[in-house]
Amino acid sequence: MELPRLSIHQTYAKIGIQTQAASLDIQSPPGELSIQQPQAKMEIESSRGELEIDSSEAWAALGMGSNLEWLNSIYSQCKSIALQAIAKIVEDGNRMAQITNPNNAFAELARDAFQRKNPIQYVGEASVDHVRLHYRAHAPIINIEPQLPLIEYTAHKPEIQYHPGSVEVYLKQKNSVEIRVSEYDKYI
C-alpha cells in the first residue's frame, strides 16, 4: 500500500560578518630641551696680612739704638766694671808687694795697662735672634651666590592618525522550507 508521505526540510539562514580592524598610528616627535647654567657670582675679599718687624734689639746690638737704651746698657755694666777694677787693683797691689818675684812687676803692670782694652761694651753680639718677626694673616671673605639653571622645554603634539574599521554583515545563506510529498510504501 502506498501512502503519501510528507517530508519537510528546513534550512536555516546564515549571516556572514566580515570585519576589518581599526588602526591607530601615533607618532610622538621628541620635544626640544634647552638648559643653560649661568655661572655663579663669586666675590672674594682678601685683606692683606700684617707683618710686624721689630729690629730695635739688632740696632741696639750694633750700637745704633736709641740714646737712652745705649746709656742704660753702659750703666748696667758699670757696677760689674767697678768691682772688676777693685779686684784688679788688689791683684796689682799683691803683685807689687811680692818682692821675691824676679820679674819687674811695675814694668809688667805698665805693659798690661797699655794693652788692656776698654771693659765697657758699647755694642752687643750680632745675631739674627735680635730681629723679631710677627705675621698676622687675615682670613678671606668669600661670598658665593649660586644661579638657578634656565630650563626651557618645548613639547610637540603627537601626530595621531586613526583609520576606522568596518563591519560588513551579509546573508550568507537564505533560510528555506521545503515541503515534499512522496509515495511511501510501507511493505517495501
N, C-alpha and C. Protein backbone atom coordinates (compact mmCIF):
# COMPACT_ATOMS: atom_id res chain seq x y z
N MET A 1 0.80 -1.13 0.00
CA MET A 1 0.00 0.00 0.00
C MET A 1 0.88 1.24 0.00
N GLU A 2 0.43 2.07 -0.78
CA GLU A 2 1.22 3.28 -0.90
C GLU A 2 0.48 4.41 -0.24
N LEU A 3 1.20 4.98 0.62
CA LEU A 3 0.63 6.10 1.35
C LEU A 3 1.44 7.35 0.99
N PRO A 4 0.79 8.45 0.91
CA PRO A 4 1.60 9.63 0.63
C PRO A 4 2.43 10.00 1.88
N ARG A 5 3.56 10.40 1.55
CA ARG A 5 4.48 10.77 2.65
C ARG A 5 4.81 12.24 2.51
N LEU A 6 4.74 12.87 3.67
CA LEU A 6 5.01 14.32 3.67
C LEU A 6 6.41 14.54 4.27
N SER A 7 7.33 15.17 3.53
CA SER A 7 8.68 15.48 4.03
C SER A 7 8.85 17.00 4.09
N ILE A 8 9.27 17.42 5.21
CA ILE A 8 9.53 18.87 5.38
C ILE A 8 11.01 19.02 5.75
N HIS A 9 11.70 19.76 4.94
CA HIS A 9 13.13 20.06 5.21
C HIS A 9 13.27 21.57 5.38
N GLN A 10 13.95 21.91 6.41
CA GLN A 10 14.14 23.35 6.69
C GLN A 10 15.62 23.68 6.64
N THR A 11 15.94 24.79 6.04
CA THR A 11 17.33 25.28 6.01
C THR A 11 17.34 26.62 6.74
N TYR A 12 18.23 26.70 7.67
CA TYR A 12 18.33 27.95 8.45
C TYR A 12 19.12 28.99 7.68
N ALA A 13 18.83 30.21 7.98
CA ALA A 13 19.57 31.31 7.35
C ALA A 13 20.93 31.46 8.04
N LYS A 14 21.91 31.79 7.27
CA LYS A 14 23.26 32.03 7.83
C LYS A 14 23.65 33.47 7.51
N ILE A 15 24.14 34.14 8.54
CA ILE A 15 24.58 35.53 8.38
C ILE A 15 26.10 35.52 8.35
N GLY A 16 26.67 36.18 7.41
CA GLY A 16 28.12 36.32 7.33
C GLY A 16 28.53 37.72 7.80
N ILE A 17 29.60 37.76 8.59
CA ILE A 17 30.11 39.04 9.10
C ILE A 17 31.58 39.12 8.71
N GLN A 18 31.93 40.18 8.02
CA GLN A 18 33.32 40.40 7.66
C GLN A 18 33.75 41.72 8.29
N THR A 19 34.82 41.67 9.08
CA THR A 19 35.27 42.88 9.80
C THR A 19 36.69 43.24 9.37
N GLN A 20 36.92 44.49 9.40
CA GLN A 20 38.28 45.00 9.19
C GLN A 20 38.59 45.85 10.42
N ALA A 21 39.69 45.49 11.10
CA ALA A 21 40.02 46.16 12.37
C ALA A 21 40.42 47.62 12.13
N ALA A 22 40.11 48.44 13.13
CA ALA A 22 40.52 49.84 13.07
C ALA A 22 42.03 49.92 13.35
N SER A 23 42.66 50.93 12.83
CA SER A 23 44.10 51.08 13.09
C SER A 23 44.36 52.49 13.62
N LEU A 24 45.32 52.55 14.49
CA LEU A 24 45.69 53.82 15.11
C LEU A 24 47.20 53.97 14.95
N ASP A 25 47.61 55.05 14.36
CA ASP A 25 49.03 55.32 14.13
C ASP A 25 49.38 56.58 14.93
N ILE A 26 50.28 56.42 15.93
CA ILE A 26 50.67 57.55 16.80
C ILE A 26 52.18 57.74 16.67
N GLN A 27 52.58 58.94 16.34
CA GLN A 27 53.99 59.30 16.33
C GLN A 27 54.17 60.51 17.24
N SER A 28 55.12 60.39 18.13
CA SER A 28 55.36 61.49 19.07
C SER A 28 56.78 61.99 18.86
N PRO A 29 56.92 63.12 18.15
CA PRO A 29 58.28 63.66 17.96
C PRO A 29 58.82 64.16 19.30
N PRO A 30 60.14 64.02 19.53
CA PRO A 30 60.70 64.47 20.81
C PRO A 30 60.60 66.00 20.95
N GLY A 31 60.46 66.41 22.20
CA GLY A 31 60.41 67.85 22.49
C GLY A 31 61.81 68.46 22.42
N GLU A 32 61.85 69.75 22.45
CA GLU A 32 63.12 70.47 22.42
C GLU A 32 63.44 70.97 23.82
N LEU A 33 64.60 70.56 24.31
CA LEU A 33 65.02 70.90 25.67
C LEU A 33 66.26 71.78 25.59
N SER A 34 66.21 72.91 26.28
CA SER A 34 67.34 73.83 26.31
C SER A 34 67.66 74.11 27.78
N ILE A 35 68.91 73.79 28.17
CA ILE A 35 69.34 74.03 29.55
C ILE A 35 70.57 74.92 29.51
N GLN A 36 70.50 76.02 30.24
CA GLN A 36 71.65 76.92 30.36
C GLN A 36 71.93 77.11 31.84
N GLN A 37 73.19 77.00 32.18
CA GLN A 37 73.59 77.18 33.57
C GLN A 37 74.49 78.41 33.67
N PRO A 38 73.93 79.55 34.13
CA PRO A 38 74.79 80.73 34.31
C PRO A 38 75.82 80.47 35.41
N GLN A 39 76.95 81.12 35.27
CA GLN A 39 77.99 80.96 36.28
C GLN A 39 77.56 81.61 37.59
N ALA A 40 77.98 80.97 38.67
CA ALA A 40 77.69 81.53 39.99
C ALA A 40 78.47 82.83 40.17
N LYS A 41 77.89 83.75 40.93
CA LYS A 41 78.58 85.01 41.23
C LYS A 41 79.42 84.80 42.48
N MET A 42 80.71 85.05 42.34
CA MET A 42 81.61 84.80 43.45
C MET A 42 82.45 86.05 43.70
N GLU A 43 82.45 86.48 44.95
CA GLU A 43 83.25 87.62 45.36
C GLU A 43 84.18 87.18 46.49
N ILE A 44 85.46 87.50 46.31
CA ILE A 44 86.44 87.16 47.33
C ILE A 44 87.16 88.44 47.74
N GLU A 45 87.08 88.73 49.02
CA GLU A 45 87.79 89.88 49.57
C GLU A 45 88.89 89.34 50.47
N SER A 46 90.09 89.69 50.14
CA SER A 46 91.22 89.21 50.93
C SER A 46 92.04 90.42 51.35
N SER A 47 91.93 90.76 52.62
CA SER A 47 92.72 91.89 53.11
C SER A 47 94.15 91.41 53.36
N ARG A 48 95.07 92.34 53.22
CA ARG A 48 96.47 91.99 53.38
C ARG A 48 96.78 91.62 54.82
N GLY A 49 97.72 90.71 54.97
CA GLY A 49 98.18 90.35 56.30
C GLY A 49 99.03 91.46 56.89
N GLU A 50 99.25 91.37 58.17
CA GLU A 50 100.04 92.39 58.85
C GLU A 50 101.38 91.78 59.27
N LEU A 51 102.45 92.41 58.83
CA LEU A 51 103.80 91.97 59.17
C LEU A 51 104.44 93.02 60.06
N GLU A 52 104.84 92.58 61.25
CA GLU A 52 105.50 93.48 62.19
C GLU A 52 106.95 93.04 62.34
N ILE A 53 107.86 93.95 62.11
CA ILE A 53 109.29 93.67 62.24
C ILE A 53 109.83 94.58 63.33
N ASP A 54 110.38 93.98 64.36
CA ASP A 54 110.97 94.74 65.47
C ASP A 54 112.48 94.48 65.44
N SER A 55 113.24 95.46 64.96
CA SER A 55 114.69 95.31 64.86
C SER A 55 115.41 96.20 65.88
N SER A 56 114.68 96.60 66.90
CA SER A 56 115.29 97.51 67.89
C SER A 56 116.44 96.82 68.63
N GLU A 57 116.32 95.52 68.90
CA GLU A 57 117.41 94.82 69.58
C GLU A 57 118.64 94.72 68.68
N ALA A 58 118.41 94.54 67.37
CA ALA A 58 119.54 94.46 66.44
C ALA A 58 120.26 95.80 66.37
N TRP A 59 119.51 96.92 66.31
CA TRP A 59 120.14 98.24 66.27
C TRP A 59 120.88 98.52 67.59
N ALA A 60 120.28 98.06 68.69
CA ALA A 60 120.95 98.26 69.98
C ALA A 60 122.25 97.46 70.03
N ALA A 61 122.24 96.23 69.46
CA ALA A 61 123.45 95.40 69.46
C ALA A 61 124.53 96.02 68.58
N LEU A 62 124.13 96.79 67.56
CA LEU A 62 125.09 97.47 66.69
C LEU A 62 125.52 98.82 67.26
N GLY A 63 124.94 99.21 68.37
CA GLY A 63 125.26 100.49 68.97
C GLY A 63 124.58 101.64 68.27
N MET A 64 123.51 101.38 67.56
CA MET A 64 122.83 102.42 66.81
C MET A 64 121.38 102.58 67.29
N GLY A 65 121.10 102.08 68.48
CA GLY A 65 119.75 102.20 69.01
C GLY A 65 119.52 103.59 69.58
N SER A 66 118.48 103.69 70.38
CA SER A 66 118.20 105.00 70.98
C SER A 66 119.26 105.31 72.05
N ASN A 67 119.47 106.59 72.28
CA ASN A 67 120.50 107.01 73.26
C ASN A 67 120.18 106.48 74.65
N LEU A 68 118.91 106.49 75.01
CA LEU A 68 118.53 106.04 76.35
C LEU A 68 118.88 104.57 76.54
N GLU A 69 118.58 103.74 75.55
CA GLU A 69 118.91 102.31 75.66
C GLU A 69 120.43 102.12 75.71
N TRP A 70 121.14 102.88 74.90
CA TRP A 70 122.60 102.75 74.87
C TRP A 70 123.21 103.12 76.23
N LEU A 71 122.73 104.23 76.80
CA LEU A 71 123.23 104.65 78.11
C LEU A 71 122.84 103.65 79.21
N ASN A 72 121.65 103.09 79.12
CA ASN A 72 121.23 102.07 80.09
C ASN A 72 122.12 100.84 79.99
N SER A 73 122.52 100.48 78.77
CA SER A 73 123.40 99.33 78.58
C SER A 73 124.75 99.58 79.25
N ILE A 74 125.28 100.79 79.04
CA ILE A 74 126.57 101.13 79.67
C ILE A 74 126.41 101.20 81.18
N TYR A 75 125.34 101.81 81.65
CA TYR A 75 125.09 101.95 83.09
C TYR A 75 124.98 100.59 83.76
N SER A 76 124.33 99.65 83.11
CA SER A 76 124.16 98.33 83.72
C SER A 76 125.50 97.59 83.83
N GLN A 77 126.50 97.97 83.04
CA GLN A 77 127.82 97.33 83.10
C GLN A 77 128.71 97.97 84.16
N CYS A 78 128.39 99.18 84.61
CA CYS A 78 129.28 99.96 85.49
C CYS A 78 129.54 99.26 86.82
N LYS A 79 128.57 98.64 87.41
CA LYS A 79 128.74 98.01 88.72
C LYS A 79 129.74 96.87 88.62
N SER A 80 129.57 96.02 87.60
CA SER A 80 130.50 94.89 87.48
C SER A 80 131.90 95.37 87.09
N ILE A 81 132.00 96.46 86.28
CA ILE A 81 133.31 97.00 85.89
C ILE A 81 134.02 97.59 87.11
N ALA A 82 133.23 98.25 87.97
CA ALA A 82 133.83 98.83 89.18
C ALA A 82 134.36 97.72 90.08
N LEU A 83 133.58 96.63 90.22
CA LEU A 83 134.03 95.51 91.07
C LEU A 83 135.27 94.85 90.46
N GLN A 84 135.28 94.72 89.12
CA GLN A 84 136.44 94.13 88.46
C GLN A 84 137.66 95.05 88.63
N ALA A 85 137.46 96.38 88.58
CA ALA A 85 138.57 97.32 88.74
C ALA A 85 139.15 97.23 90.15
N ILE A 86 138.28 97.10 91.14
CA ILE A 86 138.75 96.97 92.53
C ILE A 86 139.56 95.68 92.68
N ALA A 87 139.03 94.59 92.07
CA ALA A 87 139.74 93.31 92.15
C ALA A 87 141.09 93.41 91.44
N LYS A 88 141.16 94.16 90.34
CA LYS A 88 142.41 94.33 89.60
C LYS A 88 143.42 95.14 90.41
N ILE A 89 142.91 96.16 91.09
CA ILE A 89 143.81 96.99 91.94
C ILE A 89 144.39 96.13 93.05
N VAL A 90 143.54 95.28 93.64
CA VAL A 90 144.03 94.40 94.71
C VAL A 90 145.05 93.43 94.14
N GLU A 91 144.77 92.88 92.98
CA GLU A 91 145.69 91.93 92.36
C GLU A 91 147.01 92.61 92.01
N ASP A 92 146.93 93.84 91.47
CA ASP A 92 148.14 94.58 91.12
C ASP A 92 148.94 94.91 92.38
N GLY A 93 148.24 95.27 93.43
CA GLY A 93 148.92 95.58 94.71
C GLY A 93 149.64 94.35 95.23
N ASN A 94 148.99 93.18 95.14
CA ASN A 94 149.61 91.95 95.60
C ASN A 94 150.84 91.62 94.76
N ARG A 95 150.76 91.89 93.44
CA ARG A 95 151.92 91.62 92.58
C ARG A 95 153.10 92.55 92.94
N MET A 96 152.78 93.82 93.21
CA MET A 96 153.86 94.75 93.55
C MET A 96 154.44 94.45 94.94
N ALA A 97 153.61 93.81 95.76
CA ALA A 97 154.09 93.50 97.11
C ALA A 97 155.02 92.30 97.11
N GLN A 98 155.04 91.52 96.09
CA GLN A 98 155.91 90.34 96.03
C GLN A 98 157.32 90.78 95.62
N ILE A 99 158.13 91.00 96.58
CA ILE A 99 159.48 91.45 96.28
C ILE A 99 160.41 90.30 95.93
N THR A 100 159.97 89.14 96.19
CA THR A 100 160.80 87.97 95.88
C THR A 100 160.65 87.58 94.42
N ASN A 101 159.69 88.15 93.72
CA ASN A 101 159.46 87.82 92.31
C ASN A 101 160.59 88.44 91.49
N PRO A 102 161.31 87.62 90.66
CA PRO A 102 162.42 88.17 89.92
C PRO A 102 161.97 89.09 88.79
N ASN A 103 160.75 89.02 88.37
CA ASN A 103 160.27 89.87 87.28
C ASN A 103 159.98 91.27 87.82
N ASN A 104 160.05 92.22 86.93
CA ASN A 104 159.76 93.58 87.31
C ASN A 104 158.25 93.77 87.24
N ALA A 105 157.58 93.79 88.40
CA ALA A 105 156.12 93.87 88.45
C ALA A 105 155.62 95.20 87.90
N PHE A 106 156.36 96.30 88.09
CA PHE A 106 155.92 97.61 87.61
C PHE A 106 155.92 97.68 86.09
N ALA A 107 156.96 97.10 85.49
CA ALA A 107 157.03 97.09 84.02
C ALA A 107 155.92 96.23 83.43
N GLU A 108 155.63 95.10 84.07
CA GLU A 108 154.55 94.22 83.57
C GLU A 108 153.21 94.90 83.71
N LEU A 109 152.99 95.60 84.81
CA LEU A 109 151.72 96.29 85.02
C LEU A 109 151.55 97.44 84.02
N ALA A 110 152.62 98.12 83.69
CA ALA A 110 152.55 99.20 82.69
C ALA A 110 152.23 98.63 81.32
N ARG A 111 152.92 97.51 81.01
CA ARG A 111 152.64 96.87 79.72
C ARG A 111 151.19 96.39 79.66
N ASP A 112 150.67 95.77 80.74
CA ASP A 112 149.27 95.28 80.77
C ASP A 112 148.28 96.44 80.67
N ALA A 113 148.62 97.57 81.29
CA ALA A 113 147.73 98.73 81.23
C ALA A 113 147.69 99.31 79.83
N PHE A 114 148.85 99.25 79.13
CA PHE A 114 148.90 99.76 77.76
C PHE A 114 148.09 98.84 76.81
N GLN A 115 148.12 97.53 77.05
CA GLN A 115 147.45 96.57 76.17
C GLN A 115 145.99 96.30 76.58
N ARG A 116 145.63 96.75 77.75
CA ARG A 116 144.28 96.47 78.25
C ARG A 116 143.24 97.20 77.42
N LYS A 117 142.16 96.48 77.13
CA LYS A 117 141.06 97.06 76.35
C LYS A 117 140.05 97.66 77.30
N ASN A 118 139.23 98.53 76.71
CA ASN A 118 138.17 99.16 77.49
C ASN A 118 137.17 98.08 77.89
N PRO A 119 136.85 97.93 79.16
CA PRO A 119 135.94 96.86 79.58
C PRO A 119 134.47 97.15 79.26
N ILE A 120 134.16 98.36 78.91
CA ILE A 120 132.76 98.68 78.60
C ILE A 120 132.46 98.23 77.18
N GLN A 121 131.38 97.46 77.05
CA GLN A 121 130.96 97.01 75.72
C GLN A 121 129.91 97.98 75.20
N TYR A 122 130.29 98.69 74.14
CA TYR A 122 129.37 99.66 73.56
C TYR A 122 128.39 99.02 72.58
N VAL A 123 128.75 97.85 72.07
CA VAL A 123 127.88 97.12 71.13
C VAL A 123 127.69 95.72 71.66
N GLY A 124 126.65 95.07 71.17
CA GLY A 124 126.34 93.71 71.60
C GLY A 124 126.76 92.70 70.54
N GLU A 125 126.38 91.46 70.77
CA GLU A 125 126.67 90.40 69.81
C GLU A 125 125.71 90.49 68.65
N ALA A 126 126.22 90.30 67.46
CA ALA A 126 125.34 90.29 66.28
C ALA A 126 124.68 88.91 66.19
N SER A 127 123.37 88.92 66.01
CA SER A 127 122.63 87.66 65.93
C SER A 127 121.32 87.90 65.19
N VAL A 128 120.85 86.86 64.50
CA VAL A 128 119.57 87.00 63.81
C VAL A 128 118.41 86.94 64.79
N ASP A 129 118.70 86.51 66.01
CA ASP A 129 117.63 86.44 67.02
C ASP A 129 117.23 87.82 67.51
N HIS A 130 118.00 88.85 67.16
CA HIS A 130 117.65 90.20 67.60
C HIS A 130 116.50 90.80 66.80
N VAL A 131 116.23 90.24 65.64
CA VAL A 131 115.13 90.76 64.81
C VAL A 131 113.90 89.89 65.07
N ARG A 132 112.82 90.51 65.48
CA ARG A 132 111.57 89.80 65.78
C ARG A 132 110.59 90.02 64.63
N LEU A 133 110.06 88.93 64.11
CA LEU A 133 109.06 88.99 63.04
C LEU A 133 107.75 88.42 63.56
N HIS A 134 106.67 89.10 63.26
CA HIS A 134 105.33 88.60 63.64
C HIS A 134 104.39 88.89 62.47
N TYR A 135 103.80 87.84 61.95
CA TYR A 135 102.88 87.99 60.80
C TYR A 135 101.49 87.52 61.20
N ARG A 136 100.50 88.35 60.92
CA ARG A 136 99.10 88.01 61.18
C ARG A 136 98.36 87.96 59.85
N ALA A 137 97.91 86.78 59.49
CA ALA A 137 97.15 86.63 58.24
C ALA A 137 95.67 86.85 58.54
N HIS A 138 94.95 87.40 57.59
CA HIS A 138 93.51 87.61 57.73
C HIS A 138 92.80 86.64 56.81
N ALA A 139 91.76 86.02 57.33
CA ALA A 139 91.01 85.05 56.52
C ALA A 139 90.25 85.78 55.41
N PRO A 140 90.22 85.19 54.24
CA PRO A 140 89.47 85.84 53.15
C PRO A 140 87.97 85.75 53.39
N ILE A 141 87.24 86.72 52.87
CA ILE A 141 85.77 86.74 52.96
C ILE A 141 85.25 86.31 51.59
N ILE A 142 84.59 85.17 51.56
CA ILE A 142 84.13 84.59 50.29
C ILE A 142 82.60 84.60 50.27
N ASN A 143 82.04 85.23 49.26
CA ASN A 143 80.58 85.23 49.05
C ASN A 143 80.29 84.56 47.72
N ILE A 144 79.48 83.50 47.76
CA ILE A 144 79.10 82.78 46.54
C ILE A 144 77.58 82.86 46.42
N GLU A 145 77.12 83.36 45.29
CA GLU A 145 75.70 83.44 45.02
C GLU A 145 75.38 82.49 43.86
N PRO A 146 74.79 81.34 44.17
CA PRO A 146 74.52 80.39 43.08
C PRO A 146 73.41 80.92 42.17
N GLN A 147 73.46 80.52 40.92
CA GLN A 147 72.46 80.92 39.93
C GLN A 147 71.64 79.69 39.54
N LEU A 148 70.34 79.88 39.42
CA LEU A 148 69.47 78.77 39.03
C LEU A 148 69.63 78.49 37.55
N PRO A 149 69.52 77.22 37.16
CA PRO A 149 69.62 76.92 35.73
C PRO A 149 68.38 77.40 34.99
N LEU A 150 68.56 77.77 33.73
CA LEU A 150 67.46 78.21 32.88
C LEU A 150 67.07 77.01 32.01
N ILE A 151 65.89 76.46 32.29
CA ILE A 151 65.43 75.27 31.57
C ILE A 151 64.21 75.64 30.75
N GLU A 152 64.29 75.42 29.45
CA GLU A 152 63.15 75.67 28.56
C GLU A 152 62.85 74.38 27.82
N TYR A 153 61.57 74.00 27.86
CA TYR A 153 61.16 72.78 27.17
C TYR A 153 59.99 73.11 26.26
N THR A 154 60.11 72.75 25.00
CA THR A 154 59.03 72.95 24.03
C THR A 154 58.53 71.58 23.62
N ALA A 155 57.28 71.30 23.99
CA ALA A 155 56.71 69.99 23.66
C ALA A 155 56.07 70.05 22.28
N HIS A 156 56.12 68.96 21.53
CA HIS A 156 55.46 68.84 20.23
C HIS A 156 54.27 67.91 20.40
N LYS A 157 53.15 68.30 19.78
CA LYS A 157 51.95 67.48 19.90
C LYS A 157 52.18 66.16 19.16
N PRO A 158 51.62 65.09 19.69
CA PRO A 158 51.75 63.82 18.98
C PRO A 158 50.92 63.84 17.70
N GLU A 159 51.42 63.13 16.70
CA GLU A 159 50.71 63.03 15.42
C GLU A 159 49.92 61.72 15.46
N ILE A 160 48.59 61.87 15.44
CA ILE A 160 47.71 60.69 15.57
C ILE A 160 46.89 60.56 14.29
N GLN A 161 46.92 59.37 13.71
CA GLN A 161 46.09 59.07 12.54
C GLN A 161 45.24 57.85 12.88
N TYR A 162 43.93 58.02 12.72
CA TYR A 162 43.00 56.93 13.04
C TYR A 162 42.31 56.49 11.76
N HIS A 163 42.39 55.23 11.51
CA HIS A 163 41.71 54.63 10.36
C HIS A 163 40.61 53.74 10.93
N PRO A 164 39.34 54.17 10.73
CA PRO A 164 38.27 53.39 11.35
C PRO A 164 38.14 52.02 10.67
N GLY A 165 37.69 51.08 11.45
CA GLY A 165 37.46 49.74 10.91
C GLY A 165 36.07 49.67 10.28
N SER A 166 35.77 48.53 9.71
CA SER A 166 34.45 48.38 9.09
C SER A 166 33.91 46.99 9.41
N VAL A 167 32.60 46.92 9.45
CA VAL A 167 31.91 45.65 9.66
C VAL A 167 30.90 45.50 8.53
N GLU A 168 30.99 44.41 7.80
CA GLU A 168 30.06 44.14 6.69
C GLU A 168 29.26 42.90 7.07
N VAL A 169 27.97 43.09 7.18
CA VAL A 169 27.08 41.98 7.52
C VAL A 169 26.30 41.62 6.24
N TYR A 170 26.30 40.35 5.90
CA TYR A 170 25.59 39.91 4.69
C TYR A 170 24.94 38.56 4.96
N LEU A 171 24.03 38.24 4.10
CA LEU A 171 23.31 36.97 4.21
C LEU A 171 24.08 35.93 3.43
N LYS A 172 24.63 35.03 4.18
CA LYS A 172 25.47 34.02 3.55
C LYS A 172 24.60 32.89 2.96
N GLN A 173 23.54 32.57 3.67
CA GLN A 173 22.65 31.51 3.20
C GLN A 173 21.21 31.90 3.55
N LYS A 174 20.32 31.76 2.57
CA LYS A 174 18.91 32.09 2.80
C LYS A 174 18.26 30.94 3.56
N ASN A 175 17.29 31.32 4.33
CA ASN A 175 16.53 30.28 5.01
C ASN A 175 15.47 29.74 4.02
N SER A 176 15.14 28.49 4.21
CA SER A 176 14.13 27.90 3.30
C SER A 176 13.40 26.76 4.00
N VAL A 177 12.22 26.53 3.51
CA VAL A 177 11.43 25.38 3.98
C VAL A 177 11.00 24.61 2.74
N GLU A 178 11.34 23.36 2.68
CA GLU A 178 10.98 22.53 1.52
C GLU A 178 9.98 21.48 1.99
N ILE A 179 8.90 21.52 1.39
CA ILE A 179 7.87 20.54 1.72
C ILE A 179 7.67 19.65 0.48
N ARG A 180 7.75 18.33 0.64
CA ARG A 180 7.57 17.38 -0.48
C ARG A 180 6.59 16.28 -0.06
N VAL A 181 5.93 15.93 -1.00
CA VAL A 181 5.03 14.78 -0.78
C VAL A 181 5.56 13.66 -1.66
N SER A 182 5.78 12.56 -1.08
CA SER A 182 6.28 11.43 -1.86
C SER A 182 5.49 10.19 -1.47
N GLU A 183 5.62 9.23 -2.30
CA GLU A 183 4.90 7.99 -2.01
C GLU A 183 5.73 7.18 -1.06
N TYR A 184 5.02 6.51 -0.24
CA TYR A 184 5.67 5.75 0.78
C TYR A 184 5.08 4.34 0.78
N ASP A 185 5.89 3.42 0.59
CA ASP A 185 5.41 2.04 0.59
C ASP A 185 5.83 1.45 1.90
N LYS A 186 4.87 1.05 2.61
CA LYS A 186 5.09 0.55 3.93
C LYS A 186 5.73 -0.81 3.90
N TYR A 187 5.51 -1.63 2.89
CA TYR A 187 5.97 -3.01 2.85
C TYR A 187 7.27 -3.18 2.09
N ILE A 188 7.68 -2.24 1.54
CA ILE A 188 8.90 -2.38 0.79
C ILE A 188 10.07 -2.11 1.68
